[in-house]
Amino acid sequence: MKRFATLLLAVMTVGLLSAGLYAADKKKADIREVTFVTSIDCKNCVKKVEAKLPYEKGVKDLKINLEDKTVWIKYDASKTDSEKLAAAIVKLGYTAEELTTEKQTEKE
């Protein structure tokens, strides 16, 4: 019985340490945002991008504004970058020009 208790305590300790390291690793993710001006011009285009783009590596969140023809993406920079995301949009058949801070100011 004493061996069982010792073994159980060891397993629990290893489990807690592993969970702590996993959580610490998750907190180190470099989350960034990017906005692209695209050639998306209809609801079917929006559906197509919403169906495909979330499966790109590193994509955490996605919002599409049909009126402004923009695609906003939150992504993990340790897994992808804005160039790869732009290429994914182009692969779907649309243009993708990164909207910089200067261009956002001009637009407003």
C-alpha atoms as a PDB file:
ATOM      1  CA  MET A   1       0.000   0.000   0.000  1.00  0.00           C
ATOM      2  CA  LYS A   2       2.892   2.310   0.790  1.00  0.00           C
ATOM      3  CA  ARG A   3       4.381   1.706  -2.675  1.00  0.00           C
ATOM      4  CA  PHE A   4       1.064   2.498  -4.304  1.00  0.00           C
ATOM      5  CA  ALA A   5       0.784   5.818  -2.441  1.00  0.00           C
ATOM      6  CA  THR A   6       4.358   6.743  -3.389  1.00  0.00           C
ATOM      7  CA  LEU A   7       3.764   5.828  -7.026  1.00  0.00           C
ATOM      8  CA  LEU A   8       0.503   7.792  -7.101  1.00  0.00           C
ATOM      9  CA  LEU A   9       2.207  10.845  -5.607  1.00  0.00           C
ATOM     10  CA  ALA A  10       5.029  10.610  -8.181  1.00  0.00           C
ATOM     11  CA  VAL A  11       2.574  10.359 -11.086  1.00  0.00           C
ATOM     12  CA  MET A  12       0.584  13.336  -9.817  1.00  0.00           C
ATOM     13  CA  THR A  13       3.733  15.410  -9.398  1.00  0.00           C
ATOM     14  CA  VAL A  14       4.900  14.654 -12.937  1.00  0.00           C
ATOM     15  CA  GLY A  15       1.430  15.449 -14.267  1.00  0.00           C
ATOM     16  CA  LEU A  16       1.264  18.795 -12.500  1.00  0.00           C
ATOM     17  CA  LEU A  17       4.747  19.761 -13.656  1.00  0.00           C
ATOM     18  CA  SER A  18       3.895  18.822 -17.234  1.00  0.00           C
ATOM     19  CA  ALA A  19       0.684  20.854 -17.129  1.00  0.00           C
ATOM     20  CA  GLY A  20       2.576  23.831 -15.725  1.00  0.00           C
ATOM     21  CA  LEU A  21       5.207  23.682 -18.457  1.00  0.00           C
ATOM     22  CA  TYR A  22       2.533  23.321 -21.119  1.00  0.00           C
ATOM     23  CA  ALA A  23       0.666  26.369 -19.776  1.00  0.00           C
ATOM     24  CA  ALA A  24       3.879  28.403 -19.587  1.00  0.00           C
ATOM     25  CA  ASP A  25       4.663  27.489 -23.193  1.00  0.00           C
ATOM     26  CA  LYS A  26       1.205  28.613 -24.321  1.00  0.00           C
ATOM     27  CA  LYS A  27       1.651  32.008 -22.645  1.00  0.00           C
ATOM     28  CA  LYS A  28       4.816  32.667 -24.663  1.00  0.00           C
ATOM     29  CA  ALA A  29       2.936  32.650 -27.973  1.00  0.00           C
ATOM     30  CA  ASP A  30       3.637  35.785 -30.029  1.00  0.00           C
ATOM     31  CA  ILE A  31       0.108  36.797 -31.005  1.00  0.00           C
ATOM     32  CA  ARG A  32      -0.153  39.477 -33.699  1.00  0.00           C
ATOM     33  CA  GLU A  33      -2.832  41.017 -35.871  1.00  0.00           C
ATOM     34  CA  VAL A  34      -2.870  41.963 -39.527  1.00  0.00           C
ATOM     35  CA  THR A  35      -5.477  43.478 -41.834  1.00  0.00           C
ATOM     36  CA  PHE A  36      -5.574  42.945 -45.585  1.00  0.00           C
ATOM     37  CA  VAL A  37      -7.497  44.874 -48.231  1.00  0.00           C
ATOM     38  CA  THR A  38      -8.822  42.235 -50.613  1.00  0.00           C
ATOM     39  CA  SER A  39     -10.855  41.784 -53.776  1.00  0.00           C
ATOM     40  CA  ILE A  40     -13.635  39.978 -51.867  1.00  0.00           C
ATOM     41  CA  ASP A  41     -16.890  41.318 -53.265  1.00  0.00           C
ATOM     42  CA  CYS A  42     -19.762  39.004 -52.324  1.00  0.00           C
ATOM     43  CA  LYS A  43     -21.150  36.874 -49.510  1.00  0.00           C
ATOM     44  CA  ASN A  44     -20.000  33.675 -51.227  1.00  0.00           C
ATOM     45  CA  CYS A  45     -16.448  35.017 -51.264  1.00  0.00           C
ATOM     46  CA  VAL A  46     -16.729  35.697 -47.534  1.00  0.00           C
ATOM     47  CA  LYS A  47     -17.986  32.163 -46.922  1.00  0.00           C
ATOM     48  CA  LYS A  48     -15.127  30.700 -48.948  1.00  0.00           C
ATOM     49  CA  VAL A  49     -12.469  32.612 -46.999  1.00  0.00           C
ATOM     50  CA  GLU A  50     -14.161  31.899 -43.646  1.00  0.00           C
ATOM     51  CA  ALA A  51     -14.231  28.202 -44.515  1.00  0.00           C
ATOM     52  CA  LYS A  52     -10.595  27.880 -45.628  1.00  0.00           C
ATOM     53  CA  LEU A  53      -8.426  30.478 -43.867  1.00  0.00           C
ATOM     54  CA  PRO A  54      -8.939  29.326 -40.254  1.00  0.00           C
ATOM     55  CA  TYR A  55      -7.182  26.074 -41.189  1.00  0.00           C
ATOM     56  CA  GLU A  56      -3.959  27.905 -42.030  1.00  0.00           C
ATOM     57  CA  LYS A  57      -1.289  27.181 -39.446  1.00  0.00           C
ATOM     58  CA  GLY A  58      -1.229  29.778 -36.641  1.00  0.00           C
ATOM     59  CA  VAL A  59      -4.564  31.497 -37.369  1.00  0.00           C
ATOM     60  CA  LYS A  60      -6.354  32.243 -34.089  1.00  0.00           C
ATOM     61  CA  ASP A  61      -9.205  34.526 -35.183  1.00  0.00           C
ATOM     62  CA  LEU A  62     -10.606  35.967 -38.403  1.00  0.00           C
ATOM     63  CA  LYS A  63     -13.046  38.744 -39.244  1.00  0.00           C
ATOM     64  CA  ILE A  64     -14.133  39.819 -42.715  1.00  0.00           C
ATOM     65  CA  ASN A  65     -15.761  43.161 -43.532  1.00  0.00           C
ATOM     66  CA  LEU A  66     -17.452  42.894 -46.929  1.00  0.00           C
ATOM     67  CA  GLU A  67     -18.256  46.613 -47.062  1.00  0.00           C
ATOM     68  CA  ASP A  68     -14.610  47.635 -46.606  1.00  0.00           C
ATOM     69  CA  LYS A  69     -13.286  44.517 -48.373  1.00  0.00           C
ATOM     70  CA  THR A  70     -10.938  43.810 -45.481  1.00  0.00           C
ATOM     71  CA  VAL A  71      -9.812  40.651 -43.754  1.00  0.00           C
ATOM     72  CA  TRP A  72      -8.540  40.990 -40.168  1.00  0.00           C
ATOM     73  CA  ILE A  73      -6.535  38.060 -38.815  1.00  0.00           C
ATOM     74  CA  LYS A  74      -5.138  37.347 -35.368  1.00  0.00           C
ATOM     75  CA  TYR A  75      -2.285  34.851 -35.622  1.00  0.00           C
ATOM     76  CA  ASP A  76       0.575  33.211 -33.762  1.00  0.00           C
ATOM     77  CA  ALA A  77       3.759  34.713 -35.217  1.00  0.00           C
ATOM     78  CA  SER A  78       5.785  31.691 -34.117  1.00  0.00           C
ATOM     79  CA  LYS A  79       3.782  29.569 -36.574  1.00  0.00           C
ATOM     80  CA  THR A  80       3.145  31.914 -39.532  1.00  0.00           C
ATOM     81  CA  ASP A  81       3.610  35.471 -40.752  1.00  0.00           C
ATOM     82  CA  SER A  82       1.652  38.076 -42.687  1.00  0.00           C
ATOM     83  CA  GLU A  83       3.286  37.104 -45.997  1.00  0.00           C
ATOM     84  CA  LYS A  84       2.134  33.499 -45.652  1.00  0.00           C
ATOM     85  CA  LEU A  85      -1.372  34.638 -44.726  1.00  0.00           C
ATOM     86  CA  ALA A  86      -1.482  36.967 -47.743  1.00  0.00           C
ATOM     87  CA  ALA A  87      -0.350  34.061 -49.938  1.00  0.00           C
ATOM     88  CA  ALA A  88      -3.170  31.915 -48.526  1.00  0.00           C
ATOM     89  CA  ILE A  89      -5.723  34.590 -49.478  1.00  0.00           C
ATOM     90  CA  VAL A  90      -4.200  34.882 -52.962  1.00  0.00           C
ATOM     91  CA  LYS A  91      -4.315  31.079 -53.298  1.00  0.00           C
ATOM     92  CA  LEU A  92      -8.087  31.312 -52.732  1.00  0.00           C
ATOM     93  CA  GLY A  93      -8.311  33.649 -55.742  1.00  0.00           C
ATOM     94  CA  TYR A  94      -8.341  37.115 -54.158  1.00  0.00           C
ATOM     95  CA  THR A  95      -5.875  39.972 -53.867  1.00  0.00           C
ATOM     96  CA  ALA A  96      -4.353  40.669 -50.456  1.00  0.00           C
ATOM     97  CA  GLU A  97      -2.627  43.972 -49.718  1.00  0.00           C
ATOM     98  CA  GLU A  98      -1.553  44.482 -46.114  1.00  0.00           C
ATOM     99  CA  LEU A  99      -3.243  47.511 -44.576  1.00  0.00           C
ATOM    100  CA  THR A 100      -0.566  49.405 -42.697  1.00  0.00           C
ATOM    101  CA  THR A 101      -1.163  52.015 -39.987  1.00  0.00           C
ATOM    102  CA  GLU A 102      -0.561  54.813 -42.496  1.00  0.00           C
ATOM    103  CA  LYS A 103      -3.133  53.407 -44.917  1.00  0.00           C
ATOM    104  CA  GLN A 104      -5.651  52.952 -42.082  1.00  0.00           C
ATOM    105  CA  THR A 105      -5.296  56.633 -41.143  1.00  0.00           C
ATOM    106  CA  GLU A 106      -5.808  57.704 -44.750  1.00  0.00           C
ATOM    107  CA  LYS A 107      -8.895  55.500 -45.031  1.00  0.00           C
ATOM    108  CA  GLU A 108     -10.545  57.036 -41.964  1.00  0.00           C
END
